[in-house]
C-alpha atoms as a PDB file:
ATOM      1  CA  UNK A   1      11.082  16.732  -1.399  1.00  0.00           C
ATOM      2  CA  UNK A   2       8.026  17.839   0.711  1.00  0.00           C
ATOM      3  CA  UNK A   3       6.020  16.436  -2.066  1.00  0.00           C
ATOM      4  CA  UNK A   4       7.218  13.253  -1.739  1.00  0.00           C
ATOM      5  CA  UNK A   5       6.752  13.116   2.342  1.00  0.00           C
ATOM      6  CA  UNK A   6       3.229  14.564   2.061  1.00  0.00           C
ATOM      7  CA  UNK A   7       2.448  11.848  -0.883  1.00  0.00           C
ATOM      8  CA  UNK A   8       3.614   8.941   1.584  1.00  0.00           C
ATOM      9  CA  UNK A   9       1.343   9.921   4.801  1.00  0.00           C
ATOM     10  CA  UNK A  10      -1.508  10.537   2.155  1.00  0.00           C
ATOM     11  CA  UNK A  11      -1.042   7.337   0.415  1.00  0.00           C
ATOM     12  CA  UNK A  12      -0.837   4.909   3.755  1.00  0.00           C
ATOM     13  CA  UNK A  13      -4.019   7.098   4.995  1.00  0.00           C
ATOM     14  CA  UNK A  14      -5.459   4.809   2.610  1.00  0.00           C
ATOM     15  CA  UNK A  15      -5.813   2.086   4.842  1.00  0.00           C
ATOM     16  CA  UNK A  16      -7.197   3.851   7.822  1.00  0.00           C
ATOM     17  CA  UNK A  17      -9.928   5.231   5.338  1.00  0.00           C
ATOM     18  CA  UNK A  18     -10.703   1.491   4.038  1.00  0.00           C
ATOM     19  CA  UNK A  19     -10.810   0.702   8.416  1.00  0.00           C
ATOM     20  CA  UNK A  20     -13.390   3.361   8.624  1.00  0.00           C
ATOM     21  CA  UNK A  21     -15.309   2.587   5.787  1.00  0.00           C
ATOM     22  CA  UNK A  22     -15.266  -1.314   6.666  1.00  0.00           C
ATOM     23  CA  UNK A  23     -16.375  -0.101  10.297  1.00  0.00           C
ATOM     24  CA  UNK A  24     -19.525   1.827   8.829  1.00  0.00           C
ATOM     25  CA  UNK A  25     -20.553  -0.846   6.560  1.00  0.00           C
ATOM     26  CA  UNK A  26     -19.773  -4.032   8.665  1.00  0.00           C
ATOM     27  CA  UNK A  27     -22.820  -6.186   7.421  1.00  0.00           C
ATOM     28  CA  UNK A  28     -21.307  -5.343   3.731  1.00  0.00           C
ATOM     29  CA  UNK A  29     -18.217  -7.007   4.748  1.00  0.00           C
ATOM     30  CA  UNK A  30     -18.490 -10.986   4.138  1.00  0.00           C
ATOM     31  CA  UNK A  31     -20.620  -9.807   0.654  1.00  0.00           C
ATOM     32  CA  UNK A  32     -18.351  -7.901  -0.700  1.00  0.00           C
ATOM     33  CA  UNK A  33     -15.211  -9.521   0.055  1.00  0.00           C
ATOM     34  CA  UNK A  34     -14.641 -10.975  -3.571  1.00  0.00           C
ATOM     35  CA  UNK A  35     -15.228  -7.492  -4.895  1.00  0.00           C
ATOM     36  CA  UNK A  36     -12.855  -6.128  -2.621  1.00  0.00           C
ATOM     37  CA  UNK A  37      -9.923  -8.451  -3.706  1.00  0.00           C
ATOM     38  CA  UNK A  38     -10.719  -7.858  -6.713  1.00  0.00           C
ATOM     39  CA  UNK A  39     -10.396  -4.269  -6.805  1.00  0.00           C
ATOM     40  CA  UNK A  40      -7.103  -4.772  -4.686  1.00  0.00           C
ATOM     41  CA  UNK A  41      -5.419  -6.779  -7.420  1.00  0.00           C
ATOM     42  CA  UNK A  42      -6.379  -4.327  -9.668  1.00  0.00           C
ATOM     43  CA  UNK A  43      -5.327  -1.580  -8.265  1.00  0.00           C
ATOM     44  CA  UNK A  44      -1.638  -3.255  -8.118  1.00  0.00           C
ATOM     45  CA  UNK A  45      -1.751  -4.011 -12.115  1.00  0.00           C
ATOM     46  CA  UNK A  46      -2.489  -0.740 -12.259  1.00  0.00           C
ATOM     47  CA  UNK A  47       0.603   0.402 -10.095  1.00  0.00           C
ATOM     48  CA  UNK A  48       2.614  -1.810 -11.801  1.00  0.00           C
ATOM     49  CA  UNK A  49       1.194  -0.732 -15.166  1.00  0.00           C
ATOM     50  CA  UNK A  50       2.032   3.080 -14.048  1.00  0.00           C
ATOM     51  CA  UNK A  51       5.374   2.656 -12.978  1.00  0.00           C
ATOM     52  CA  UNK A  52       6.534   0.917 -15.571  1.00  0.00           C
ATOM     53  CA  UNK A  53       5.121   3.517 -18.171  1.00  0.00           C
ATOM     54  CA  UNK A  54       6.651   6.688 -16.651  1.00  0.00           C
ATOM     55  CA  UNK A  55       9.539   5.026 -15.316  1.00  0.00           C
ATOM     56  CA  UNK A  56      12.181   4.978 -18.388  1.00  0.00           C
ATOM     57  CA  UNK A  57      14.994   2.906 -16.338  1.00  0.00           C
ATOM     58  CA  UNK A  58      15.162  -0.784 -17.324  1.00  0.00           C
ATOM     59  CA  UNK A  59      16.868  -1.871 -14.914  1.00  0.00           C
ATOM     60  CA  UNK A  60      14.883  -0.613 -11.813  1.00  0.00           C
ATOM     61  CA  UNK A  61      11.708  -2.361 -13.597  1.00  0.00           C
ATOM     62  CA  UNK A  62      13.555  -4.908 -13.771  1.00  0.00           C
ATOM     63  CA  UNK A  63      14.951  -4.698 -10.135  1.00  0.00           C
ATOM     64  CA  UNK A  64      11.012  -3.753  -8.855  1.00  0.00           C
ATOM     65  CA  UNK A  65       9.790  -6.595 -10.786  1.00  0.00           C
ATOM     66  CA  UNK A  66      12.155  -9.197  -8.999  1.00  0.00           C
ATOM     67  CA  UNK A  67      10.995  -7.732  -5.364  1.00  0.00           C
ATOM     68  CA  UNK A  68       7.555  -7.879  -6.545  1.00  0.00           C
ATOM     69  CA  UNK A  69       8.204 -11.471  -7.648  1.00  0.00           C
ATOM     70  CA  UNK A  70       9.548 -12.358  -4.095  1.00  0.00           C
ATOM     71  CA  UNK A  71       6.773 -10.306  -2.543  1.00  0.00           C
ATOM     72  CA  UNK A  72       4.476 -12.443  -4.165  1.00  0.00           C
ATOM     73  CA  UNK A  73       5.611 -16.077  -2.680  1.00  0.00           C
ATOM     74  CA  UNK A  74       6.099 -14.720   1.048  1.00  0.00           C
ATOM     75  CA  UNK A  75       4.422 -15.891   3.829  1.00  0.00           C
ATOM     76  CA  UNK A  76       2.686 -12.795   4.516  1.00  0.00           C
ATOM     77  CA  UNK A  77       2.605 -11.586   1.137  1.00  0.00           C
ATOM     78  CA  UNK A  78      -0.096  -8.401   1.942  1.00  0.00           C
ATOM     79  CA  UNK A  79       2.238  -7.002   4.231  1.00  0.00           C
ATOM     80  CA  UNK A  80       5.098  -7.197   2.017  1.00  0.00           C
ATOM     81  CA  UNK A  81       3.506  -6.162  -1.211  1.00  0.00           C
ATOM     82  CA  UNK A  82       2.561  -3.260   0.878  1.00  0.00           C
ATOM     83  CA  UNK A  83       5.938  -2.645   1.741  1.00  0.00           C
ATOM     84  CA  UNK A  84       7.129  -2.941  -1.685  1.00  0.00           C
ATOM     85  CA  UNK A  85       5.189  -0.508  -2.787  1.00  0.00           C
ATOM     86  CA  UNK A  86       6.746   1.869  -0.330  1.00  0.00           C
ATOM     87  CA  UNK A  87       9.897   1.460  -2.678  1.00  0.00           C
ATOM     88  CA  UNK A  88       8.143   1.832  -5.877  1.00  0.00           C
ATOM     89  CA  UNK A  89       6.935   5.266  -4.415  1.00  0.00           C
ATOM     90  CA  UNK A  90      10.721   6.268  -3.419  1.00  0.00           C
ATOM     91  CA  UNK A  91      11.925   5.151  -6.694  1.00  0.00           C
ATOM     92  CA  UNK A  92       8.887   7.442  -8.626  1.00  0.00           C
ATOM     93  CA  UNK A  93      10.157  10.592  -6.502  1.00  0.00           C
ATOM     94  CA  UNK A  94      12.341  11.760  -9.430  1.00  0.00           C
ATOM     95  CA  UNK A  95       9.983  11.209 -12.719  1.00  0.00           C
ATOM     96  CA  UNK A  96       6.335  11.754 -13.353  1.00  0.00           C
ATOM     97  CA  UNK A  97       4.965   9.019 -12.096  1.00  0.00           C
ATOM     98  CA  UNK A  98       4.956   9.825  -8.331  1.00  0.00           C
ATOM     99  CA  UNK A  99       1.822  12.037  -9.156  1.00  0.00           C
ATOM    100  CA  UNK A 100       0.274   9.172 -10.126  1.00  0.00           C
ATOM    101  CA  UNK A 101       1.188   6.491  -8.197  1.00  0.00           C
ATOM    102  CA  UNK A 102       0.517   7.792  -4.601  1.00  0.00           C
ATOM    103  CA  UNK A 103      -2.865   8.262  -5.436  1.00  0.00           C
ATOM    104  CA  UNK A 104      -2.957   4.241  -6.557  1.00  0.00           C
ATOM    105  CA  UNK A 105      -1.128   3.155  -3.223  1.00  0.00           C
ATOM    106  CA  UNK A 106      -4.093   5.498  -1.602  1.00  0.00           C
ATOM    107  CA  UNK A 107      -6.776   3.324  -3.349  1.00  0.00           C
ATOM    108  CA  UNK A 108      -5.074  -0.103  -2.836  1.00  0.00           C
ATOM    109  CA  UNK A 109      -4.763   0.494   1.045  1.00  0.00           C
ATOM    110  CA  UNK A 110      -8.985   1.298   1.246  1.00  0.00           C
ATOM    111  CA  UNK A 111      -9.707  -1.875   0.648  1.00  0.00           C
ATOM    112  CA  UNK A 112      -6.611  -3.772   2.087  1.00  0.00           C
ATOM    113  CA  UNK A 113      -7.504  -1.498   5.800  1.00  0.00           C
ATOM    114  CA  UNK A 114     -11.544  -3.058   4.413  1.00  0.00           C
ATOM    115  CA  UNK A 115     -10.170  -6.743   4.334  1.00  0.00           C
ATOM    116  CA  UNK A 116      -7.894  -6.579   7.722  1.00  0.00           C
ATOM    117  CA  UNK A 117     -10.783  -5.305   9.947  1.00  0.00           C
ATOM    118  CA  UNK A 118     -12.987  -8.591   7.326  1.00  0.00           C
ATOM    119  CA  UNK A 119     -10.721 -10.902   9.126  1.00  0.00           C
ATOM    120  CA  UNK A 120      -9.563  -9.282  12.581  1.00  0.00           C
ATOM    121  CA  UNK A 121     -13.956  -9.080  13.445  1.00  0.00           C
ATOM    122  CA  UNK A 122     -13.627 -12.785  14.076  1.00  0.00           C
ATOM    123  CA  UNK A 123     -10.910 -12.236  17.096  1.00  0.00           C
ATOM    124  CA  UNK A 124     -11.854  -8.922  18.685  1.00  0.00           C
ATOM    125  CA  UNK A 125     -14.292  -6.649  18.683  1.00  0.00           C
ATOM    126  CA  UNK A 126     -12.504  -4.048  20.334  1.00  0.00           C
ATOM    127  CA  UNK A 127     -11.852  -0.895  17.572  1.00  0.00           C
ATOM    128  CA  UNK A 128      -9.092   0.580  19.198  1.00  0.00           C
ATOM    129  CA  UNK A 129      -6.820  -3.320  19.453  1.00  0.00           C
ATOM    130  CA  UNK A 130      -8.164  -3.807  15.888  1.00  0.00           C
ATOM    131  CA  UNK A 131      -6.769  -0.113  14.809  1.00  0.00           C
ATOM    132  CA  UNK A 132      -3.544  -0.162  16.518  1.00  0.00           C
ATOM    133  CA  UNK A 133      -2.691  -4.322  14.925  1.00  0.00           C
ATOM    134  CA  UNK A 134      -3.687  -2.260  11.103  1.00  0.00           C
ATOM    135  CA  UNK A 135      -0.721   0.483  12.523  1.00  0.00           C
ATOM    136  CA  UNK A 136       1.735  -2.242  13.507  1.00  0.00           C
ATOM    137  CA  UNK A 137       1.288  -4.346  11.190  1.00  0.00           C
ATOM    138  CA  UNK A 138       1.988  -1.679   8.111  1.00  0.00           C
ATOM    139  CA  UNK A 139       3.512   0.778   9.852  1.00  0.00           C
ATOM    140  CA  UNK A 140       6.809  -0.409   8.233  1.00  0.00           C
ATOM    141  CA  UNK A 141       5.463   1.444   5.154  1.00  0.00           C
ATOM    142  CA  UNK A 142       6.444   4.694   6.249  1.00  0.00           C
ATOM    143  CA  UNK A 143       9.363   3.485   8.005  1.00  0.00           C
ATOM    144  CA  UNK A 144      10.663   2.418   4.629  1.00  0.00           C
ATOM    145  CA  UNK A 145       9.605   5.477   3.085  1.00  0.00           C
ATOM    146  CA  UNK A 146      11.529   7.937   5.444  1.00  0.00           C
ATOM    147  CA  UNK A 147      14.269   5.736   5.558  1.00  0.00           C
ATOM    148  CA  UNK A 148      14.496   6.090   1.913  1.00  0.00           C
ATOM    149  CA  UNK A 149      13.778   9.965   1.808  1.00  0.00           C
ATOM    150  CA  UNK A 150      16.634   9.947   4.228  1.00  0.00           C
ATOM    151  CA  UNK A 151      19.241   8.357   2.269  1.00  0.00           C
ATOM    152  CA  UNK A 152      17.725   9.715  -0.902  1.00  0.00           C
ATOM    153  CA  UNK A 153      18.815  13.526   0.101  1.00  0.00           C
ATOM    154  CA  UNK A 154      22.227  12.314   0.858  1.00  0.00           C
ATOM    155  CA  UNK A 155      22.432  10.559  -2.656  1.00  0.00           C
END
C-alpha cells in the first residue's frame, strides 16, 4: 500500500530531476534536444513493453492501448501521456511490474522536465515561475495516482 505511494512520488520526481539537470546545463539544451526526444520515446516504448509482458490481463492491455492511442492524438500530447502513465502505474500496483514501471516513469520524466525547461526559457528566465508552471501542469499525475490509490483501497 505505502510502496505504491512512495513509487508514485519518486516517479513524479523525475520531472523535477530533469528540470534541475537542465538548469545545470542550460547551454546543452538546444544541441541535446533531439537526443532527449529520442530517449523519452525509447523509455515510453520500454514502459509499454514491460506493462504488456508483466500484465496477464488482455483486456487491461487493450484498454491501456486505447488510452495511449487517444493521448497520442491529443493537442496536449505530452501531458496526456504523462497522466496516462499514472493510470499504468496504478494498473501495475498488484502486479510484478510495479517495481519496473515506476523507475521507467522516473526516467521518462528526466527528458520531459529538461524539454519543459527548454521550451519555457524562451518566455521566462524566472526559475521559480518555471518550476511552479511545471508542477501546475504535471501535478495531475500525482492527483490521478492518489485518487486511483484511494479507490483501489475500497475495491
